[in-house]
Amino acid sequence: MHDEHPHPLLAQVPLTVSPFLSLPHSVPLPYSYVTLPSTLPPSILQQDHSDPSQPPQYVQSASGQTAHPDQILRSCTALQDHLKKLEDDARKTLSEWKTKRESEELAEKRRVAPGWLDSGVHILKPENVTEENARRAQEQGLMDGDAGQAHQTQQQGNQEAEELDRVFGGLNVK
């Protein structure tokens, strides 16, 4: 049956065309189709034959550098350690600066008010006000300038008014 001549009984059966059966046809290739080269480069998953102790470098960057994931992990941990050291140094420098600044402020406060910070008594208590001091404070307003000068000006104005009253006969002008 595999020869060029069909079986005589099959040769008597007529062939029919079925609408459900389609004959194979050729597939068009895309315009970007490139044939593979006849010789392929060696696999990147295999170790280098010149240095078998080095693991295969199958991670490739856009710039063309290749590395093994373990090498990438080691470089990342080294970078993390370096950044942590820099952060610790910066925090130490900042804390030293803060303590220096606080000691300078304390020295300035001691220079302005010597002994006040060292005494331990930091509550200020008001003085007891006598009646005379209270009356004097009431007469002098908060917004007044110099109370003694205002009192002198008022007395001088009263003397002038009394003198004018004596000269003109005490006119009641309002």
N, C-alpha and C. Protein backbone atom coordinates (compact mmCIF):
# COMPACT_ATOMS: atom_id res chain seq x y z
N MET A 1 0.81 -1.18 0.00
CA MET A 1 0.00 0.00 0.00
C MET A 1 0.86 1.26 0.00
N HIS A 2 2.09 1.11 0.38
CA HIS A 2 2.96 2.27 0.43
C HIS A 2 3.68 2.49 -0.89
N ASP A 3 3.37 1.75 -1.82
CA ASP A 3 4.01 1.96 -3.12
C ASP A 3 3.20 2.94 -3.96
N GLU A 4 3.61 3.15 -5.19
CA GLU A 4 2.98 4.17 -6.02
C GLU A 4 1.63 3.73 -6.56
N HIS A 5 1.36 2.47 -6.56
CA HIS A 5 0.12 1.98 -7.14
C HIS A 5 -0.88 1.71 -6.03
N PRO A 6 -2.06 2.32 -6.06
CA PRO A 6 -3.05 2.06 -5.02
C PRO A 6 -3.65 0.66 -5.17
N HIS A 7 -4.30 0.28 -4.14
CA HIS A 7 -4.96 -1.02 -4.15
C HIS A 7 -6.08 -0.98 -5.19
N PRO A 8 -6.32 -2.06 -5.87
CA PRO A 8 -7.35 -2.03 -6.94
C PRO A 8 -8.75 -1.74 -6.43
N LEU A 9 -9.07 -2.15 -5.22
CA LEU A 9 -10.41 -1.85 -4.70
C LEU A 9 -10.55 -0.36 -4.37
N LEU A 10 -9.47 0.21 -3.84
CA LEU A 10 -9.51 1.65 -3.51
C LEU A 10 -9.55 2.49 -4.78
N ALA A 11 -8.98 2.01 -5.80
CA ALA A 11 -8.99 2.76 -7.06
C ALA A 11 -10.38 2.85 -7.63
N GLN A 12 -11.27 1.95 -7.25
CA GLN A 12 -12.64 1.98 -7.76
C GLN A 12 -13.53 2.94 -6.97
N VAL A 13 -13.12 3.40 -5.75
CA VAL A 13 -13.94 4.29 -4.91
C VAL A 13 -13.71 5.73 -5.39
N PRO A 14 -14.79 6.44 -5.70
CA PRO A 14 -14.61 7.82 -6.15
C PRO A 14 -14.29 8.76 -4.97
N LEU A 15 -13.50 9.80 -5.23
CA LEU A 15 -13.15 10.79 -4.20
C LEU A 15 -14.24 11.86 -4.16
N THR A 16 -14.61 12.25 -2.94
CA THR A 16 -15.60 13.32 -2.78
C THR A 16 -14.93 14.50 -2.08
N VAL A 17 -15.42 15.70 -2.33
CA VAL A 17 -14.90 16.90 -1.68
C VAL A 17 -15.80 17.24 -0.51
N SER A 18 -15.22 17.38 0.67
CA SER A 18 -15.99 17.69 1.87
C SER A 18 -15.81 19.17 2.21
N PRO A 19 -16.90 19.87 2.54
CA PRO A 19 -16.77 21.28 2.92
C PRO A 19 -16.13 21.45 4.31
N PHE A 20 -16.08 20.39 5.09
CA PHE A 20 -15.52 20.47 6.44
C PHE A 20 -14.02 20.20 6.46
N LEU A 21 -13.48 19.79 5.36
CA LEU A 21 -12.08 19.47 5.30
C LEU A 21 -11.36 20.50 4.44
N SER A 22 -10.30 21.09 5.00
CA SER A 22 -9.53 22.06 4.21
C SER A 22 -8.12 21.51 4.02
N LEU A 23 -7.62 21.66 2.84
CA LEU A 23 -6.29 21.17 2.54
C LEU A 23 -5.26 22.16 3.09
N PRO A 24 -4.12 21.68 3.51
CA PRO A 24 -3.10 22.59 4.05
C PRO A 24 -2.56 23.52 2.97
N HIS A 25 -2.22 24.71 3.41
CA HIS A 25 -1.64 25.69 2.48
C HIS A 25 -0.44 26.35 3.16
N SER A 26 0.38 27.06 2.43
CA SER A 26 1.61 27.63 2.98
C SER A 26 1.30 28.86 3.84
N VAL A 27 2.10 29.05 4.88
CA VAL A 27 1.92 30.18 5.80
C VAL A 27 2.86 31.30 5.36
N PRO A 28 2.34 32.54 5.22
CA PRO A 28 3.25 33.64 4.84
C PRO A 28 4.12 34.06 6.03
N LEU A 29 5.37 34.34 5.77
CA LEU A 29 6.31 34.74 6.82
C LEU A 29 6.24 36.26 7.01
N PRO A 30 6.47 36.76 8.26
CA PRO A 30 6.46 38.21 8.47
C PRO A 30 7.68 38.86 7.82
N TYR A 31 7.59 40.18 7.63
CA TYR A 31 8.70 40.89 6.99
C TYR A 31 9.94 40.95 7.89
N SER A 32 9.73 40.84 9.21
CA SER A 32 10.86 40.91 10.15
C SER A 32 11.52 39.54 10.36
N TYR A 33 11.17 38.57 9.56
CA TYR A 33 11.72 37.23 9.73
C TYR A 33 13.19 37.22 9.35
N VAL A 34 14.00 36.66 10.27
CA VAL A 34 15.43 36.52 10.02
C VAL A 34 15.77 35.06 10.28
N THR A 35 16.51 34.50 9.41
CA THR A 35 16.88 33.10 9.59
C THR A 35 17.95 33.00 10.67
N LEU A 36 17.96 31.90 11.37
CA LEU A 36 18.96 31.67 12.41
C LEU A 36 20.31 31.40 11.76
N PRO A 37 21.37 31.85 12.45
CA PRO A 37 22.69 31.55 11.88
C PRO A 37 22.96 30.05 11.96
N SER A 38 23.84 29.62 11.11
CA SER A 38 24.11 28.18 11.07
C SER A 38 24.85 27.72 12.33
N THR A 39 25.66 28.60 12.93
CA THR A 39 26.35 28.24 14.17
C THR A 39 25.88 29.17 15.28
N LEU A 40 25.40 28.62 16.35
CA LEU A 40 24.91 29.41 17.49
C LEU A 40 26.04 29.62 18.49
N PRO A 41 26.02 30.76 19.22
CA PRO A 41 27.05 30.95 20.25
C PRO A 41 26.81 29.98 21.40
N PRO A 42 27.82 29.79 22.24
CA PRO A 42 27.64 28.85 23.36
C PRO A 42 26.58 29.36 24.34
N SER A 43 25.98 28.47 25.05
CA SER A 43 24.91 28.80 25.99
C SER A 43 25.46 29.61 27.16
N ILE A 44 24.66 30.57 27.62
CA ILE A 44 25.09 31.39 28.75
C ILE A 44 24.89 30.66 30.07
N LEU A 45 24.17 29.58 30.05
CA LEU A 45 23.93 28.83 31.28
C LEU A 45 25.07 27.87 31.61
N GLN A 46 25.97 27.67 30.67
CA GLN A 46 27.10 26.79 30.92
C GLN A 46 28.25 27.60 31.50
N GLN A 47 29.07 26.94 32.30
CA GLN A 47 30.21 27.61 32.90
C GLN A 47 31.27 27.90 31.84
N ASP A 48 32.06 28.91 32.15
CA ASP A 48 33.15 29.28 31.26
C ASP A 48 34.23 28.20 31.36
N HIS A 49 34.69 27.72 30.20
CA HIS A 49 35.68 26.64 30.22
C HIS A 49 37.05 27.15 30.65
N SER A 50 37.33 28.45 30.47
CA SER A 50 38.63 28.98 30.87
C SER A 50 38.74 29.12 32.39
N ASP A 51 37.61 29.42 33.07
CA ASP A 51 37.61 29.57 34.54
C ASP A 51 36.40 28.83 35.11
N PRO A 52 36.52 27.53 35.37
CA PRO A 52 35.36 26.76 35.84
C PRO A 52 34.92 27.09 37.26
N SER A 53 35.77 27.78 38.05
CA SER A 53 35.37 28.10 39.43
C SER A 53 34.36 29.25 39.46
N GLN A 54 34.31 30.03 38.40
CA GLN A 54 33.39 31.17 38.36
C GLN A 54 32.03 30.70 37.85
N PRO A 55 30.93 31.09 38.55
CA PRO A 55 29.60 30.65 38.10
C PRO A 55 29.21 31.35 36.79
N PRO A 56 28.28 30.77 36.06
CA PRO A 56 27.88 31.40 34.78
C PRO A 56 27.19 32.74 35.03
N GLN A 57 27.52 33.70 34.19
CA GLN A 57 26.96 35.05 34.33
C GLN A 57 25.85 35.20 33.29
N TYR A 58 24.63 34.92 33.71
CA TYR A 58 23.53 34.92 32.76
C TYR A 58 22.57 36.09 32.92
N VAL A 59 22.81 36.99 33.87
CA VAL A 59 21.99 38.20 33.98
C VAL A 59 22.71 39.28 33.20
N GLN A 60 22.04 39.81 32.19
CA GLN A 60 22.67 40.80 31.33
C GLN A 60 21.91 42.12 31.41
N SER A 61 22.68 43.20 31.59
CA SER A 61 22.06 44.53 31.69
C SER A 61 21.91 45.12 30.29
N ALA A 62 21.25 46.27 30.23
CA ALA A 62 21.05 46.93 28.95
C ALA A 62 22.37 47.45 28.38
N SER A 63 23.33 47.72 29.25
CA SER A 63 24.63 48.22 28.78
C SER A 63 25.54 47.08 28.30
N GLY A 64 25.12 45.85 28.50
CA GLY A 64 25.91 44.72 28.02
C GLY A 64 26.72 44.02 29.08
N GLN A 65 26.69 44.49 30.32
CA GLN A 65 27.44 43.83 31.38
C GLN A 65 26.68 42.60 31.84
N THR A 66 27.43 41.57 32.15
CA THR A 66 26.81 40.33 32.63
C THR A 66 27.28 40.05 34.05
N ALA A 67 26.41 39.38 34.80
CA ALA A 67 26.74 39.05 36.19
C ALA A 67 25.89 37.87 36.64
N HIS A 68 26.34 37.26 37.69
CA HIS A 68 25.59 36.17 38.32
C HIS A 68 24.72 36.78 39.42
N PRO A 69 23.55 36.24 39.71
CA PRO A 69 22.69 36.82 40.77
C PRO A 69 23.37 36.92 42.13
N ASP A 70 24.27 35.99 42.44
CA ASP A 70 24.99 36.07 43.72
C ASP A 70 25.89 37.30 43.78
N GLN A 71 26.52 37.64 42.64
CA GLN A 71 27.35 38.84 42.59
C GLN A 71 26.49 40.10 42.77
N ILE A 72 25.33 40.11 42.17
CA ILE A 72 24.42 41.26 42.30
C ILE A 72 23.98 41.39 43.75
N LEU A 73 23.65 40.27 44.39
CA LEU A 73 23.22 40.29 45.79
C LEU A 73 24.35 40.79 46.70
N ARG A 74 25.58 40.33 46.46
CA ARG A 74 26.72 40.79 47.26
C ARG A 74 26.93 42.30 47.11
N SER A 75 26.83 42.80 45.88
CA SER A 75 27.03 44.25 45.68
C SER A 75 25.90 45.04 46.33
N CYS A 76 24.67 44.52 46.33
CA CYS A 76 23.55 45.22 46.98
C CYS A 76 23.74 45.26 48.50
N THR A 77 24.17 44.15 49.09
CA THR A 77 24.38 44.15 50.55
C THR A 77 25.55 45.06 50.92
N ALA A 78 26.59 45.10 50.08
CA ALA A 78 27.71 46.02 50.35
C ALA A 78 27.24 47.47 50.28
N LEU A 79 26.37 47.77 49.31
CA LEU A 79 25.82 49.13 49.20
C LEU A 79 24.95 49.46 50.40
N GLN A 80 24.15 48.51 50.86
CA GLN A 80 23.32 48.73 52.05
C GLN A 80 24.19 49.00 53.28
N ASP A 81 25.25 48.22 53.44
CA ASP A 81 26.15 48.43 54.58
C ASP A 81 26.80 49.81 54.52
N HIS A 82 27.21 50.21 53.33
CA HIS A 82 27.84 51.53 53.17
C HIS A 82 26.85 52.65 53.51
N LEU A 83 25.60 52.53 53.01
CA LEU A 83 24.59 53.55 53.29
C LEU A 83 24.25 53.59 54.78
N LYS A 84 24.19 52.43 55.43
CA LYS A 84 23.91 52.39 56.87
C LYS A 84 25.04 53.06 57.65
N LYS A 85 26.28 52.83 57.24
CA LYS A 85 27.42 53.48 57.89
C LYS A 85 27.34 55.00 57.72
N LEU A 86 27.01 55.45 56.51
CA LEU A 86 26.88 56.89 56.27
C LEU A 86 25.76 57.49 57.13
N GLU A 87 24.64 56.77 57.24
CA GLU A 87 23.51 57.25 58.04
C GLU A 87 23.90 57.32 59.53
N ASP A 88 24.59 56.30 60.02
CA ASP A 88 25.03 56.30 61.42
C ASP A 88 25.99 57.46 61.70
N ASP A 89 26.91 57.69 60.76
CA ASP A 89 27.85 58.81 60.92
C ASP A 89 27.10 60.14 60.94
N ALA A 90 26.10 60.28 60.06
CA ALA A 90 25.34 61.53 60.01
C ALA A 90 24.54 61.73 61.30
N ARG A 91 23.93 60.65 61.81
CA ARG A 91 23.18 60.76 63.06
C ARG A 91 24.11 61.12 64.23
N LYS A 92 25.30 60.53 64.25
CA LYS A 92 26.26 60.83 65.31
C LYS A 92 26.68 62.30 65.24
N THR A 93 26.96 62.79 64.04
CA THR A 93 27.35 64.19 63.87
C THR A 93 26.22 65.12 64.31
N LEU A 94 24.99 64.77 63.95
CA LEU A 94 23.84 65.59 64.33
C LEU A 94 23.65 65.62 65.85
N SER A 95 23.79 64.47 66.50
CA SER A 95 23.62 64.44 67.96
C SER A 95 24.74 65.22 68.65
N GLU A 96 25.97 65.13 68.12
CA GLU A 96 27.06 65.93 68.68
C GLU A 96 26.78 67.42 68.53
N TRP A 97 26.25 67.80 67.36
CA TRP A 97 25.94 69.22 67.14
C TRP A 97 24.84 69.69 68.09
N LYS A 98 23.82 68.84 68.30
CA LYS A 98 22.73 69.21 69.21
C LYS A 98 23.23 69.38 70.64
N THR A 99 24.06 68.45 71.11
CA THR A 99 24.58 68.58 72.48
C THR A 99 25.48 69.80 72.61
N LYS A 100 26.26 70.09 71.59
CA LYS A 100 27.12 71.28 71.61
C LYS A 100 26.26 72.54 71.65
N ARG A 101 25.20 72.57 70.85
CA ARG A 101 24.31 73.74 70.80
C ARG A 101 23.60 73.93 72.14
N GLU A 102 23.13 72.82 72.75
CA GLU A 102 22.46 72.92 74.06
C GLU A 102 23.42 73.43 75.13
N SER A 103 24.67 72.96 75.09
CA SER A 103 25.64 73.43 76.09
C SER A 103 25.96 74.90 75.88
N GLU A 104 26.01 75.35 74.61
CA GLU A 104 26.24 76.78 74.34
C GLU A 104 25.08 77.62 74.85
N GLU A 105 23.84 77.15 74.63
CA GLU A 105 22.67 77.88 75.12
C GLU A 105 22.66 77.94 76.64
N LEU A 106 23.03 76.84 77.29
CA LEU A 106 23.08 76.81 78.75
C LEU A 106 24.15 77.77 79.26
N ALA A 107 25.30 77.81 78.59
CA ALA A 107 26.36 78.74 78.99
C ALA A 107 25.89 80.18 78.82
N GLU A 108 25.15 80.46 77.75
CA GLU A 108 24.62 81.82 77.54
C GLU A 108 23.62 82.19 78.62
N LYS A 109 22.75 81.24 79.00
CA LYS A 109 21.78 81.50 80.07
C LYS A 109 22.49 81.74 81.40
N ARG A 110 23.53 80.99 81.66
CA ARG A 110 24.29 81.19 82.91
C ARG A 110 25.02 82.52 82.90
N ARG A 111 25.43 82.97 81.71
CA ARG A 111 26.10 84.26 81.62
C ARG A 111 25.11 85.39 81.87
N VAL A 112 23.88 85.26 81.34
CA VAL A 112 22.87 86.30 81.50
C VAL A 112 22.34 86.32 82.93
N ALA A 113 22.04 85.15 83.48
CA ALA A 113 21.49 85.07 84.84
C ALA A 113 22.31 84.07 85.65
N PRO A 114 23.46 84.48 86.15
CA PRO A 114 24.31 83.52 86.87
C PRO A 114 23.66 83.06 88.17
N GLY A 115 23.71 81.76 88.40
CA GLY A 115 23.19 81.21 89.65
C GLY A 115 21.73 80.82 89.60
N TRP A 116 20.95 81.38 88.69
CA TRP A 116 19.51 81.08 88.67
C TRP A 116 19.26 79.64 88.26
N LEU A 117 20.00 79.15 87.26
CA LEU A 117 19.81 77.77 86.82
C LEU A 117 20.37 76.77 87.83
N ASP A 118 21.36 77.18 88.60
CA ASP A 118 22.00 76.27 89.55
C ASP A 118 21.27 76.18 90.88
N SER A 119 20.38 77.13 91.17
CA SER A 119 19.75 77.16 92.49
C SER A 119 18.69 76.08 92.66
N GLY A 120 18.05 75.66 91.61
CA GLY A 120 17.01 74.64 91.73
C GLY A 120 15.64 75.23 91.99
N VAL A 121 15.54 76.51 92.31
CA VAL A 121 14.25 77.16 92.53
C VAL A 121 13.93 77.94 91.26
N HIS A 122 12.97 77.45 90.53
CA HIS A 122 12.64 78.09 89.26
C HIS A 122 11.25 78.70 89.25
N ILE A 123 10.57 78.72 90.38
CA ILE A 123 9.23 79.28 90.44
C ILE A 123 9.35 80.72 90.90
N LEU A 124 8.83 81.64 90.12
CA LEU A 124 8.86 83.05 90.48
C LEU A 124 7.61 83.37 91.29
N LYS A 125 7.78 84.05 92.42
CA LYS A 125 6.65 84.41 93.27
C LYS A 125 6.49 85.93 93.25
N PRO A 126 5.26 86.41 93.14
CA PRO A 126 5.04 87.86 93.13
C PRO A 126 5.25 88.45 94.53
N GLU A 127 5.58 89.74 94.56
CA GLU A 127 5.75 90.43 95.84
C GLU A 127 4.38 90.77 96.42
N ASN A 128 4.33 90.90 97.74
CA ASN A 128 3.09 91.36 98.38
C ASN A 128 2.96 92.86 98.13
N VAL A 129 1.81 93.27 97.64
CA VAL A 129 1.59 94.67 97.29
C VAL A 129 0.86 95.36 98.44
N THR A 130 1.42 96.46 98.89
CA THR A 130 0.75 97.23 99.95
C THR A 130 -0.32 98.10 99.32
N GLU A 131 -1.19 98.69 100.17
CA GLU A 131 -2.29 99.51 99.65
C GLU A 131 -1.76 100.75 98.94
N GLU A 132 -0.70 101.32 99.47
CA GLU A 132 -0.15 102.53 98.85
C GLU A 132 0.39 102.23 97.44
N ASN A 133 1.09 101.10 97.30
CA ASN A 133 1.61 100.71 95.99
C ASN A 133 0.47 100.39 95.04
N ALA A 134 -0.60 99.77 95.54
CA ALA A 134 -1.76 99.45 94.70
C ALA A 134 -2.44 100.71 94.21
N ARG A 135 -2.61 101.73 95.10
CA ARG A 135 -3.25 102.98 94.70
C ARG A 135 -2.39 103.70 93.66
N ARG A 136 -1.10 103.72 93.87
CA ARG A 136 -0.20 104.38 92.94
C ARG A 136 -0.23 103.67 91.57
N ALA A 137 -0.30 102.35 91.58
CA ALA A 137 -0.36 101.60 90.32
C ALA A 137 -1.68 101.83 89.61
N GLN A 138 -2.77 102.04 90.37
CA GLN A 138 -4.07 102.31 89.76
C GLN A 138 -4.08 103.67 89.10
N GLU A 139 -3.49 104.66 89.75
CA GLU A 139 -3.47 106.00 89.19
C GLU A 139 -2.65 106.03 87.90
N GLN A 140 -1.59 105.28 87.88
CA GLN A 140 -0.76 105.26 86.68
C GLN A 140 -1.29 104.16 85.76
N GLY A 141 -1.75 104.54 84.57
CA GLY A 141 -2.29 103.57 83.62
C GLY A 141 -1.17 102.76 82.99
N LEU A 142 -1.56 101.70 82.36
CA LEU A 142 -0.57 100.85 81.72
C LEU A 142 0.07 101.54 80.52
N MET A 143 -0.70 102.39 79.84
CA MET A 143 -0.20 103.02 78.63
C MET A 143 0.45 104.37 78.90
N ASP A 144 0.42 104.83 80.14
CA ASP A 144 1.03 106.13 80.46
C ASP A 144 2.53 106.02 80.35
N GLY A 145 3.13 107.14 79.99
CA GLY A 145 4.58 107.18 79.89
C GLY A 145 5.18 107.33 81.27
N ASP A 146 5.62 108.53 81.63
CA ASP A 146 6.23 108.81 82.93
C ASP A 146 5.18 109.45 83.82
N ALA A 147 4.82 108.78 84.91
CA ALA A 147 3.73 109.27 85.77
C ALA A 147 4.14 110.55 86.49
N GLY A 148 5.36 110.68 86.91
CA GLY A 148 5.82 111.87 87.64
C GLY A 148 5.76 113.11 86.75
N GLN A 149 6.14 112.98 85.52
CA GLN A 149 6.12 114.11 84.60
C GLN A 149 4.68 114.52 84.30
N ALA A 150 3.78 113.55 84.12
CA ALA A 150 2.38 113.87 83.86
C ALA A 150 1.77 114.59 85.06
N HIS A 151 2.12 114.18 86.27
CA HIS A 151 1.59 114.81 87.48
C HIS A 151 2.07 116.26 87.58
N GLN A 152 3.35 116.54 87.26
CA GLN A 152 3.89 117.90 87.29
C GLN A 152 3.19 118.78 86.27
N THR A 153 2.96 118.26 85.07
CA THR A 153 2.29 119.04 84.02
C THR A 153 0.88 119.39 84.45
N GLN A 154 0.19 118.45 85.09
CA GLN A 154 -1.18 118.69 85.55
C GLN A 154 -1.19 119.79 86.63
N GLN A 155 -0.25 119.75 87.56
CA GLN A 155 -0.19 120.78 88.61
C GLN A 155 0.12 122.15 88.01
N GLN A 156 1.02 122.20 87.04
CA GLN A 156 1.37 123.47 86.42
C GLN A 156 0.17 124.03 85.67
N GLY A 157 -0.60 123.15 85.00
CA GLY A 157 -1.80 123.61 84.29
C GLY A 157 -2.84 124.14 85.26
N ASN A 158 -2.99 123.53 86.43
CA ASN A 158 -3.94 124.01 87.44
C ASN A 158 -3.53 125.38 87.97
N GLN A 159 -2.25 125.61 88.17
CA GLN A 159 -1.77 126.91 88.66
C GLN A 159 -2.08 128.01 87.64
N GLU A 160 -1.88 127.74 86.38
CA GLU A 160 -2.16 128.74 85.34
C GLU A 160 -3.65 129.04 85.28
N ALA A 161 -4.48 128.00 85.42
CA ALA A 161 -5.93 128.21 85.39
C ALA A 161 -6.38 129.06 86.57
N GLU A 162 -5.82 128.81 87.74
CA GLU A 162 -6.18 129.60 88.93
C GLU A 162 -5.75 131.05 88.77
N GLU A 163 -4.60 131.28 88.16
CA GLU A 163 -4.12 132.64 87.95
C GLU A 163 -5.02 133.38 86.97
N LEU A 164 -5.45 132.71 85.92
CA LEU A 164 -6.37 133.34 84.96
C LEU A 164 -7.71 133.64 85.62
N ASP A 165 -8.19 132.75 86.50
CA ASP A 165 -9.45 133.00 87.20
C ASP A 165 -9.34 134.24 88.08
N ARG A 166 -8.21 134.42 88.72
CA ARG A 166 -8.05 135.61 89.57
C ARG A 166 -8.04 136.88 88.74
N VAL A 167 -7.39 136.83 87.57
CA VAL A 167 -7.28 138.04 86.74
C VAL A 167 -8.63 138.39 86.13
N PHE A 168 -9.35 137.45 85.59
CA PHE A 168 -10.60 137.74 84.89
C PHE A 168 -11.84 137.58 85.75
N GLY A 169 -11.70 137.32 86.97
CA GLY A 169 -12.82 137.35 87.88
C GLY A 169 -13.62 136.08 87.96
N GLY A 170 -13.07 134.97 87.66
CA GLY A 170 -13.77 133.70 87.87
C GLY A 170 -14.94 133.49 86.93
N LEU A 171 -14.78 133.74 85.66
CA LEU A 171 -15.84 133.48 84.69
C LEU A 171 -16.05 131.97 84.56
N ASN A 172 -17.29 131.58 84.57
CA ASN A 172 -17.59 130.15 84.39
C ASN A 172 -17.85 129.89 82.91
N VAL A 173 -16.85 129.55 82.20
CA VAL A 173 -16.97 129.28 80.77
C VAL A 173 -16.85 127.78 80.58
N LYS A 174 -17.87 127.28 79.92
CA LYS A 174 -17.85 125.83 79.69
C LYS A 174 -17.85 125.52 78.24
